[in-house]
Amino acid sequence: MRTGVRSCYDEGKRTAETLTMDYHRGAGVEVRIARIFNTYGPRMCLDDGRVVSNFVAQALRKEPLTVYGDGKQTRSFQYVSDLVRTN
């Protein structure tokens, strides 16, 4: 079993997905699992502490971009209009 540094966060999401699928299989309920991740776009708050907003805020202030750890981490990013339907 693999646990990350943020294992409470990781395991909480994994447990919720597992329970959702168990409910689907056991009760026949139609379910959807949305894996929302690092969404960015218009009207995002520059001080919300997420990586994209941190980078934008630092760039606007002409500050060096902060990279935590060894810089080899990977992340997935999603533009807000790819997450929500606007019509």
PDB file of N, CA and C in Angstrom:
ATOM      1  N   MET A   1       0.846  -1.174   0.000  1.00  0.00           N
ATOM      2  CA  MET A   1       0.000   0.000   0.000  1.00  0.00           C
ATOM      3  C   MET A   1       0.887   1.231   0.000  1.00  0.00           C
ATOM      4  N   ARG A   2       0.535   2.209  -0.806  1.00  0.00           N
ATOM      5  CA  ARG A   2       1.308   3.434  -0.893  1.00  0.00           C
ATOM      6  C   ARG A   2       0.581   4.564  -0.179  1.00  0.00           C
ATOM      7  N   THR A   3       1.281   5.269   0.668  1.00  0.00           N
ATOM      8  CA  THR A   3       0.713   6.460   1.286  1.00  0.00           C
ATOM      9  C   THR A   3       1.637   7.623   1.020  1.00  0.00           C
ATOM     10  N   GLY A   4       1.056   8.745   0.680  1.00  0.00           N
ATOM     11  CA  GLY A   4       1.844   9.932   0.388  1.00  0.00           C
ATOM     12  C   GLY A   4       2.027  10.776   1.628  1.00  0.00           C
ATOM     13  N   VAL A   5       2.740  11.860   1.447  1.00  0.00           N
ATOM     14  CA  VAL A   5       2.955  12.802   2.536  1.00  0.00           C
ATOM     15  C   VAL A   5       1.615  13.340   3.017  1.00  0.00           C
ATOM     16  N   ARG A   6       0.703  13.545   2.083  1.00  0.00           N
ATOM     17  CA  ARG A   6      -0.632  14.044   2.420  1.00  0.00           C
ATOM     18  C   ARG A   6      -1.611  12.883   2.501  1.00  0.00           C
ATOM     19  N   SER A   7      -1.258  11.816   3.184  1.00  0.00           N
ATOM     20  CA  SER A   7      -2.051  10.595   3.117  1.00  0.00           C
ATOM     21  C   SER A   7      -3.494  10.759   3.599  1.00  0.00           C
ATOM     22  N   CYS A   8      -3.761  11.633   4.563  1.00  0.00           N
ATOM     23  CA  CYS A   8      -5.153  11.842   4.972  1.00  0.00           C
ATOM     24  C   CYS A   8      -5.975  12.361   3.799  1.00  0.00           C
ATOM     25  N   TYR A   9      -5.419  13.299   3.059  1.00  0.00           N
ATOM     26  CA  TYR A   9      -6.093  13.851   1.884  1.00  0.00           C
ATOM     27  C   TYR A   9      -6.233  12.777   0.808  1.00  0.00           C
ATOM     28  N   ASP A  10      -5.129  12.108   0.487  1.00  0.00           N
ATOM     29  CA  ASP A  10      -5.149  11.058  -0.539  1.00  0.00           C
ATOM     30  C   ASP A  10      -6.126   9.948  -0.175  1.00  0.00           C
ATOM     31  N   GLU A  11      -6.018   9.469   1.037  1.00  0.00           N
ATOM     32  CA  GLU A  11      -6.851   8.342   1.459  1.00  0.00           C
ATOM     33  C   GLU A  11      -8.308   8.728   1.612  1.00  0.00           C
ATOM     34  N   GLY A  12      -8.567   9.969   2.000  1.00  0.00           N
ATOM     35  CA  GLY A  12      -9.957  10.427   2.096  1.00  0.00           C
ATOM     36  C   GLY A  12     -10.651  10.388   0.741  1.00  0.00           C
ATOM     37  N   LYS A  13      -9.962  10.848  -0.291  1.00  0.00           N
ATOM     38  CA  LYS A  13     -10.525  10.812  -1.641  1.00  0.00           C
ATOM     39  C   LYS A  13     -10.697   9.371  -2.111  1.00  0.00           C
ATOM     40  N   ARG A  14      -9.693   8.542  -1.863  1.00  0.00           N
ATOM     41  CA  ARG A  14      -9.768   7.147  -2.298  1.00  0.00           C
ATOM     42  C   ARG A  14     -10.917   6.425  -1.598  1.00  0.00           C
ATOM     43  N   THR A  15     -11.079   6.672  -0.304  1.00  0.00           N
ATOM     44  CA  THR A  15     -12.155   6.037   0.455  1.00  0.00           C
ATOM     45  C   THR A  15     -13.523   6.473  -0.061  1.00  0.00           C
ATOM     46  N   ALA A  16     -13.674   7.762  -0.341  1.00  0.00           N
ATOM     47  CA  ALA A  16     -14.957   8.257  -0.856  1.00  0.00           C
ATOM     48  C   ALA A  16     -15.299   7.607  -2.195  1.00  0.00           C
ATOM     49  N   GLU A  17     -14.305   7.459  -3.070  1.00  0.00           N
ATOM     50  CA  GLU A  17     -14.554   6.812  -4.362  1.00  0.00           C
ATOM     51  C   GLU A  17     -14.908   5.341  -4.172  1.00  0.00           C
ATOM     52  N   THR A  18     -14.219   4.668  -3.256  1.00  0.00           N
ATOM     53  CA  THR A  18     -14.500   3.257  -2.994  1.00  0.00           C
ATOM     54  C   THR A  18     -15.912   3.075  -2.455  1.00  0.00           C
ATOM     55  N   LEU A  19     -16.314   3.903  -1.496  1.00  0.00           N
ATOM     56  CA  LEU A  19     -17.670   3.816  -0.939  1.00  0.00           C
ATOM     57  C   LEU A  19     -18.728   4.113  -1.996  1.00  0.00           C
ATOM     58  N   THR A  20     -18.448   5.079  -2.861  1.00  0.00           N
ATOM     59  CA  THR A  20     -19.379   5.406  -3.944  1.00  0.00           C
ATOM     60  C   THR A  20     -19.578   4.210  -4.865  1.00  0.00           C
ATOM     61  N   MET A  21     -18.479   3.567  -5.244  1.00  0.00           N
ATOM     62  CA  MET A  21     -18.587   2.409  -6.136  1.00  0.00           C
ATOM     63  C   MET A  21     -19.232   1.217  -5.440  1.00  0.00           C
ATOM     64  N   ASP A  22     -18.984   1.039  -4.150  1.00  0.00           N
ATOM     65  CA  ASP A  22     -19.654  -0.022  -3.395  1.00  0.00           C
ATOM     66  C   ASP A  22     -21.165   0.209  -3.368  1.00  0.00           C
ATOM     67  N   TYR A  23     -21.573   1.449  -3.185  1.00  0.00           N
ATOM     68  CA  TYR A  23     -22.993   1.789  -3.179  1.00  0.00           C
ATOM     69  C   TYR A  23     -23.600   1.529  -4.557  1.00  0.00           C
ATOM     70  N   HIS A  24     -22.855   1.859  -5.593  1.00  0.00           N
ATOM     71  CA  HIS A  24     -23.302   1.605  -6.962  1.00  0.00           C
ATOM     72  C   HIS A  24     -23.512   0.102  -7.183  1.00  0.00           C
ATOM     73  N   ARG A  25     -22.515  -0.688  -6.818  1.00  0.00           N
ATOM     74  CA  ARG A  25     -22.617  -2.140  -7.025  1.00  0.00           C
ATOM     75  C   ARG A  25     -23.658  -2.774  -6.118  1.00  0.00           C
ATOM     76  N   GLY A  26     -23.722  -2.342  -4.859  1.00  0.00           N
ATOM     77  CA  GLY A  26     -24.636  -2.966  -3.899  1.00  0.00           C
ATOM     78  C   GLY A  26     -26.087  -2.570  -4.062  1.00  0.00           C
ATOM     79  N   ALA A  27     -26.332  -1.296  -4.380  1.00  0.00           N
ATOM     80  CA  ALA A  27     -27.708  -0.798  -4.453  1.00  0.00           C
ATOM     81  C   ALA A  27     -28.149  -0.483  -5.874  1.00  0.00           C
ATOM     82  N   GLY A  28     -27.239  -0.613  -6.821  1.00  0.00           N
ATOM     83  CA  GLY A  28     -27.588  -0.355  -8.214  1.00  0.00           C
ATOM     84  C   GLY A  28     -27.841   1.106  -8.533  1.00  0.00           C
ATOM     85  N   VAL A  29     -27.356   1.980  -7.672  1.00  0.00           N
ATOM     86  CA  VAL A  29     -27.549   3.413  -7.877  1.00  0.00           C
ATOM     87  C   VAL A  29     -26.554   3.919  -8.919  1.00  0.00           C
ATOM     88  N   GLU A  30     -27.060   4.754  -9.859  1.00  0.00           N
ATOM     89  CA  GLU A  30     -26.178   5.343 -10.853  1.00  0.00           C
ATOM     90  C   GLU A  30     -25.337   6.431 -10.173  1.00  0.00           C
ATOM     91  N   VAL A  31     -24.048   6.365 -10.362  1.00  0.00           N
ATOM     92  CA  VAL A  31     -23.153   7.331  -9.719  1.00  0.00           C
ATOM     93  C   VAL A  31     -22.199   7.929 -10.740  1.00  0.00           C
ATOM     94  N   ARG A  32     -21.607   9.041 -10.374  1.00  0.00           N
ATOM     95  CA  ARG A  32     -20.544   9.665 -11.152  1.00  0.00           C
ATOM     96  C   ARG A  32     -19.451  10.065 -10.171  1.00  0.00           C
ATOM     97  N   ILE A  33     -18.230   9.864 -10.568  1.00  0.00           N
ATOM     98  CA  ILE A  33     -17.104  10.305  -9.763  1.00  0.00           C
ATOM     99  C   ILE A  33     -16.373  11.371 -10.565  1.00  0.00           C
ATOM    100  N   ALA A  34     -16.294  12.558 -10.004  1.00  0.00           N
ATOM    101  CA  ALA A  34     -15.600  13.667 -10.654  1.00  0.00           C
ATOM    102  C   ALA A  34     -14.274  13.879  -9.934  1.00  0.00           C
ATOM    103  N   ARG A  35     -13.204  13.778 -10.663  1.00  0.00           N
ATOM    104  CA  ARG A  35     -11.885  14.034 -10.093  1.00  0.00           C
ATOM    105  C   ARG A  35     -11.454  15.441 -10.495  1.00  0.00           C
ATOM    106  N   ILE A  36     -11.877  16.388  -9.690  1.00  0.00           N
ATOM    107  CA  ILE A  36     -11.585  17.788  -9.965  1.00  0.00           C
ATOM    108  C   ILE A  36     -10.177  18.076  -9.461  1.00  0.00           C
ATOM    109  N   PHE A  37      -9.389  18.713 -10.283  1.00  0.00           N
ATOM    110  CA  PHE A  37      -8.001  18.941  -9.910  1.00  0.00           C
ATOM    111  C   PHE A  37      -7.537  20.296 -10.411  1.00  0.00           C
ATOM    112  N   ASN A  38      -6.751  20.985  -9.645  1.00  0.00           N
ATOM    113  CA  ASN A  38      -6.060  22.219 -10.029  1.00  0.00           C
ATOM    114  C   ASN A  38      -6.741  22.994 -11.150  1.00  0.00           C
ATOM    115  N   THR A  39      -7.968  23.430 -10.903  1.00  0.00           N
ATOM    116  CA  THR A  39      -8.716  24.196 -11.885  1.00  0.00           C
ATOM    117  C   THR A  39      -8.297  25.662 -11.819  1.00  0.00           C
ATOM    118  N   TYR A  40      -8.149  26.276 -12.982  1.00  0.00           N
ATOM    119  CA  TYR A  40      -7.751  27.682 -13.031  1.00  0.00           C
ATOM    120  C   TYR A  40      -8.564  28.407 -14.086  1.00  0.00           C
ATOM    121  N   GLY A  41      -8.614  29.711 -13.992  1.00  0.00           N
ATOM    122  CA  GLY A  41      -9.314  30.500 -14.993  1.00  0.00           C
ATOM    123  C   GLY A  41      -9.720  31.854 -14.450  1.00  0.00           C
ATOM    124  N   PRO A  42     -10.607  32.530 -15.180  1.00  0.00           N
ATOM    125  CA  PRO A  42     -11.035  33.877 -14.783  1.00  0.00           C
ATOM    126  C   PRO A  42     -11.649  33.881 -13.379  1.00  0.00           C
ATOM    127  N   ARG A  43     -11.486  34.988 -12.706  1.00  0.00           N
ATOM    128  CA  ARG A  43     -12.076  35.238 -11.385  1.00  0.00           C
ATOM    129  C   ARG A  43     -11.507  34.365 -10.274  1.00  0.00           C
ATOM    130  N   MET A  44     -10.380  33.701 -10.516  1.00  0.00           N
ATOM    131  CA  MET A  44      -9.780  32.949  -9.417  1.00  0.00           C
ATOM    132  C   MET A  44      -9.128  33.942  -8.454  1.00  0.00           C
ATOM    133  N   CYS A  45      -9.120  33.611  -7.190  1.00  0.00           N
ATOM    134  CA  CYS A  45      -8.538  34.484  -6.167  1.00  0.00           C
ATOM    135  C   CYS A  45      -7.023  34.337  -6.170  1.00  0.00           C
ATOM    136  N   LEU A  46      -6.325  35.448  -6.187  1.00  0.00           N
ATOM    137  CA  LEU A  46      -4.863  35.404  -6.219  1.00  0.00           C
ATOM    138  C   LEU A  46      -4.256  34.961  -4.893  1.00  0.00           C
ATOM    139  N   ASP A  47      -5.053  34.947  -3.834  1.00  0.00           N
ATOM    140  CA  ASP A  47      -4.507  34.581  -2.528  1.00  0.00           C
ATOM    141  C   ASP A  47      -5.075  33.274  -1.994  1.00  0.00           C
ATOM    142  N   ASP A  48      -5.530  32.385  -2.877  1.00  0.00           N
ATOM    143  CA  ASP A  48      -6.137  31.137  -2.394  1.00  0.00           C
ATOM    144  C   ASP A  48      -5.114  30.054  -2.063  1.00  0.00           C
ATOM    145  N   GLY A  49      -3.846  30.297  -2.344  1.00  0.00           N
ATOM    146  CA  GLY A  49      -2.792  29.369  -1.936  1.00  0.00           C
ATOM    147  C   GLY A  49      -2.545  28.211  -2.889  1.00  0.00           C
ATOM    148  N   ARG A  50      -3.206  28.198  -4.034  1.00  0.00           N
ATOM    149  CA  ARG A  50      -2.976  27.117  -4.994  1.00  0.00           C
ATOM    150  C   ARG A  50      -1.848  27.495  -5.948  1.00  0.00           C
ATOM    151  N   VAL A  51      -1.281  26.517  -6.595  1.00  0.00           N
ATOM    152  CA  VAL A  51      -0.066  26.736  -7.381  1.00  0.00           C
ATOM    153  C   VAL A  51      -0.259  27.738  -8.519  1.00  0.00           C
ATOM    154  N   VAL A  52      -1.334  27.646  -9.271  1.00  0.00           N
ATOM    155  CA  VAL A  52      -1.519  28.562 -10.399  1.00  0.00           C
ATOM    156  C   VAL A  52      -1.683  29.994  -9.899  1.00  0.00           C
ATOM    157  N   SER A  53      -2.543  30.183  -8.898  1.00  0.00           N
ATOM    158  CA  SER A  53      -2.734  31.541  -8.382  1.00  0.00           C
ATOM    159  C   SER A  53      -1.456  32.073  -7.739  1.00  0.00           C
ATOM    160  N   ASN A  54      -0.689  31.215  -7.062  1.00  0.00           N
ATOM    161  CA  ASN A  54       0.592  31.650  -6.498  1.00  0.00           C
ATOM    162  C   ASN A  54       1.531  32.121  -7.597  1.00  0.00           C
ATOM    163  N   PHE A  55       1.641  31.343  -8.671  1.00  0.00           N
ATOM    164  CA  PHE A  55       2.519  31.716  -9.783  1.00  0.00           C
ATOM    165  C   PHE A  55       2.070  33.037 -10.417  1.00  0.00           C
ATOM    166  N   VAL A  56       0.774  33.183 -10.661  1.00  0.00           N
ATOM    167  CA  VAL A  56       0.261  34.412 -11.279  1.00  0.00           C
ATOM    168  C   VAL A  56       0.530  35.604 -10.377  1.00  0.00           C
ATOM    169  N   ALA A  57       0.218  35.470  -9.086  1.00  0.00           N
ATOM    170  CA  ALA A  57       0.425  36.581  -8.153  1.00  0.00           C
ATOM    171  C   ALA A  57       1.900  36.964  -8.091  1.00  0.00           C
ATOM    172  N   GLN A  58       2.785  35.980  -8.030  1.00  0.00           N
ATOM    173  CA  GLN A  58       4.215  36.274  -7.972  1.00  0.00           C
ATOM    174  C   GLN A  58       4.699  36.917  -9.275  1.00  0.00           C
ATOM    175  N   ALA A  59       4.193  36.438 -10.406  1.00  0.00           N
ATOM    176  CA  ALA A  59       4.589  37.008 -11.696  1.00  0.00           C
ATOM    177  C   ALA A  59       4.115  38.461 -11.802  1.00  0.00           C
ATOM    178  N   LEU A  60       2.893  38.748 -11.369  1.00  0.00           N
ATOM    179  CA  LEU A  60       2.378  40.118 -11.415  1.00  0.00           C
ATOM    180  C   LEU A  60       3.191  41.056 -10.525  1.00  0.00           C
ATOM    181  N   ARG A  61       3.713  40.506  -9.422  1.00  0.00           N
ATOM    182  CA  ARG A  61       4.549  41.312  -8.517  1.00  0.00           C
ATOM    183  C   ARG A  61       6.018  41.303  -8.941  1.00  0.00           C
ATOM    184  N   LYS A  62       6.290  40.641 -10.077  1.00  0.00           N
ATOM    185  CA  LYS A  62       7.660  40.504 -10.595  1.00  0.00           C
ATOM    186  C   LYS A  62       8.595  39.848  -9.582  1.00  0.00           C
ATOM    187  N   GLU A  63       8.056  38.852  -8.864  1.00  0.00           N
ATOM    188  CA  GLU A  63       8.825  38.083  -7.885  1.00  0.00           C
ATOM    189  C   GLU A  63       9.228  36.746  -8.504  1.00  0.00           C
ATOM    190  N   PRO A  64      10.268  36.129  -7.994  1.00  0.00           N
ATOM    191  CA  PRO A  64      10.612  34.775  -8.463  1.00  0.00           C
ATOM    192  C   PRO A  64       9.470  33.810  -8.131  1.00  0.00           C
ATOM    193  N   LEU A  65       9.245  32.837  -9.002  1.00  0.00           N
ATOM    194  CA  LEU A  65       8.205  31.844  -8.754  1.00  0.00           C
ATOM    195  C   LEU A  65       8.701  30.846  -7.720  1.00  0.00           C
ATOM    196  N   THR A  66       7.854  30.555  -6.738  1.00  0.00           N
ATOM    197  CA  THR A  66       8.213  29.621  -5.681  1.00  0.00           C
ATOM    198  C   THR A  66       7.923  28.195  -6.130  1.00  0.00           C
ATOM    199  N   VAL A  67       8.943  27.362  -6.086  1.00  0.00           N
ATOM    200  CA  VAL A  67       8.780  25.938  -6.384  1.00  0.00           C
ATOM    201  C   VAL A  67       9.159  25.186  -5.117  1.00  0.00           C
ATOM    202  N   TYR A  68       8.233  24.400  -4.600  1.00  0.00           N
ATOM    203  CA  TYR A  68       8.479  23.654  -3.374  1.00  0.00           C
ATOM    204  C   TYR A  68       9.121  22.309  -3.684  1.00  0.00           C
ATOM    205  N   GLY A  69       9.808  21.741  -2.732  1.00  0.00           N
ATOM    206  CA  GLY A  69      10.443  20.441  -2.909  1.00  0.00           C
ATOM    207  C   GLY A  69      11.588  20.519  -3.887  1.00  0.00           C
ATOM    208  N   ASP A  70      11.777  19.446  -4.639  1.00  0.00           N
ATOM    209  CA  ASP A  70      12.912  19.376  -5.565  1.00  0.00           C
ATOM    210  C   ASP A  70      12.556  19.836  -6.976  1.00  0.00           C
ATOM    211  N   GLY A  71      11.307  20.264  -7.188  1.00  0.00           N
ATOM    212  CA  GLY A  71      10.890  20.743  -8.499  1.00  0.00           C
ATOM    213  C   GLY A  71      10.528  19.641  -9.481  1.00  0.00           C
ATOM    214  N   LYS A  72      10.562  18.397  -9.034  1.00  0.00           N
ATOM    215  CA  LYS A  72      10.254  17.273  -9.931  1.00  0.00           C
ATOM    216  C   LYS A  72       8.806  16.799  -9.782  1.00  0.00           C
ATOM    217  N   GLN A  73       8.024  17.472  -8.941  1.00  0.00           N
ATOM    218  CA  GLN A  73       6.645  17.070  -8.748  1.00  0.00           C
ATOM    219  C   GLN A  73       5.860  17.262 -10.041  1.00  0.00           C
ATOM    220  N   THR A  74       4.825  16.490 -10.194  1.00  0.00           N
ATOM    221  CA  THR A  74       3.949  16.653 -11.352  1.00  0.00           C
ATOM    222  C   THR A  74       2.551  17.015 -10.870  1.00  0.00           C
ATOM    223  N   ARG A  75       1.854  17.777 -11.666  1.00  0.00           N
ATOM    224  CA  ARG A  75       0.483  18.161 -11.370  1.00  0.00           C
ATOM    225  C   ARG A  75      -0.294  18.171 -12.670  1.00  0.00           C
ATOM    226  N   SER A  76      -1.593  17.983 -12.547  1.00  0.00           N
ATOM    227  CA  SER A  76      -2.493  18.115 -13.691  1.00  0.00           C
ATOM    228  C   SER A  76      -3.278  19.402 -13.504  1.00  0.00           C
ATOM    229  N   PHE A  77      -3.462  20.141 -14.588  1.00  0.00           N
ATOM    230  CA  PHE A  77      -4.193  21.401 -14.536  1.00  0.00           C
ATOM    231  C   PHE A  77      -5.359  21.350 -15.500  1.00  0.00           C
ATOM    232  N   GLN A  78      -6.450  22.045 -15.119  1.00  0.00           N
ATOM    233  CA  GLN A  78      -7.673  22.011 -15.911  1.00  0.00           C
ATOM    234  C   GLN A  78      -8.267  23.416 -15.967  1.00  0.00           C
ATOM    235  N   TYR A  79      -8.479  23.914 -17.178  1.00  0.00           N
ATOM    236  CA  TYR A  79      -9.110  25.220 -17.332  1.00  0.00           C
ATOM    237  C   TYR A  79     -10.579  25.108 -16.948  1.00  0.00           C
ATOM    238  N   VAL A  80     -11.106  26.119 -16.283  1.00  0.00           N
ATOM    239  CA  VAL A  80     -12.439  26.056 -15.702  1.00  0.00           C
ATOM    240  C   VAL A  80     -13.524  25.688 -16.717  1.00  0.00           C
ATOM    241  N   SER A  81     -13.419  26.178 -17.955  1.00  0.00           N
ATOM    242  CA  SER A  81     -14.470  25.860 -18.942  1.00  0.00           C
ATOM    243  C   SER A  81     -14.426  24.393 -19.372  1.00  0.00           C
ATOM    244  N   ASP A  82     -13.338  23.698 -19.099  1.00  0.00           N
ATOM    245  CA  ASP A  82     -13.291  22.266 -19.363  1.00  0.00           C
ATOM    246  C   ASP A  82     -13.934  21.461 -18.225  1.00  0.00           C
ATOM    247  N   LEU A  83     -14.176  22.133 -17.096  1.00  0.00           N
ATOM    248  CA  LEU A  83     -14.784  21.475 -15.938  1.00  0.00           C
ATOM    249  C   LEU A  83     -16.302  21.679 -15.887  1.00  0.00           C
ATOM    250  N   VAL A  84     -16.764  22.871 -16.230  1.00  0.00           N
ATOM    251  CA  VAL A  84     -18.186  23.191 -16.094  1.00  0.00           C
ATOM    252  C   VAL A  84     -18.796  23.538 -17.440  1.00  0.00           C
ATOM    253  N   ARG A  85     -20.053  23.227 -17.566  1.00  0.00           N
ATOM    254  CA  ARG A  85     -20.806  23.602 -18.769  1.00  0.00           C
ATOM    255  C   ARG A  85     -21.350  24.996 -18.558  1.00  0.00           C
ATOM    256  N   THR A  86     -21.205  25.850 -19.543  1.00  0.00           N
ATOM    257  CA  THR A  86     -21.624  27.251 -19.372  1.00  0.00           C
ATOM    258  C   THR A  86     -22.872  27.608 -20.168  1.00  0.00           C
ATOM    259  N   ASN A  87     -23.536  26.651 -20.753  1.00  0.00           N
ATOM    260  CA  ASN A  87     -24.748  26.989 -21.529  1.00  0.00           C
ATOM    261  C   ASN A  87     -25.991  26.552 -20.806  1.00  0.00           C
TER     262      ASN A  87
END
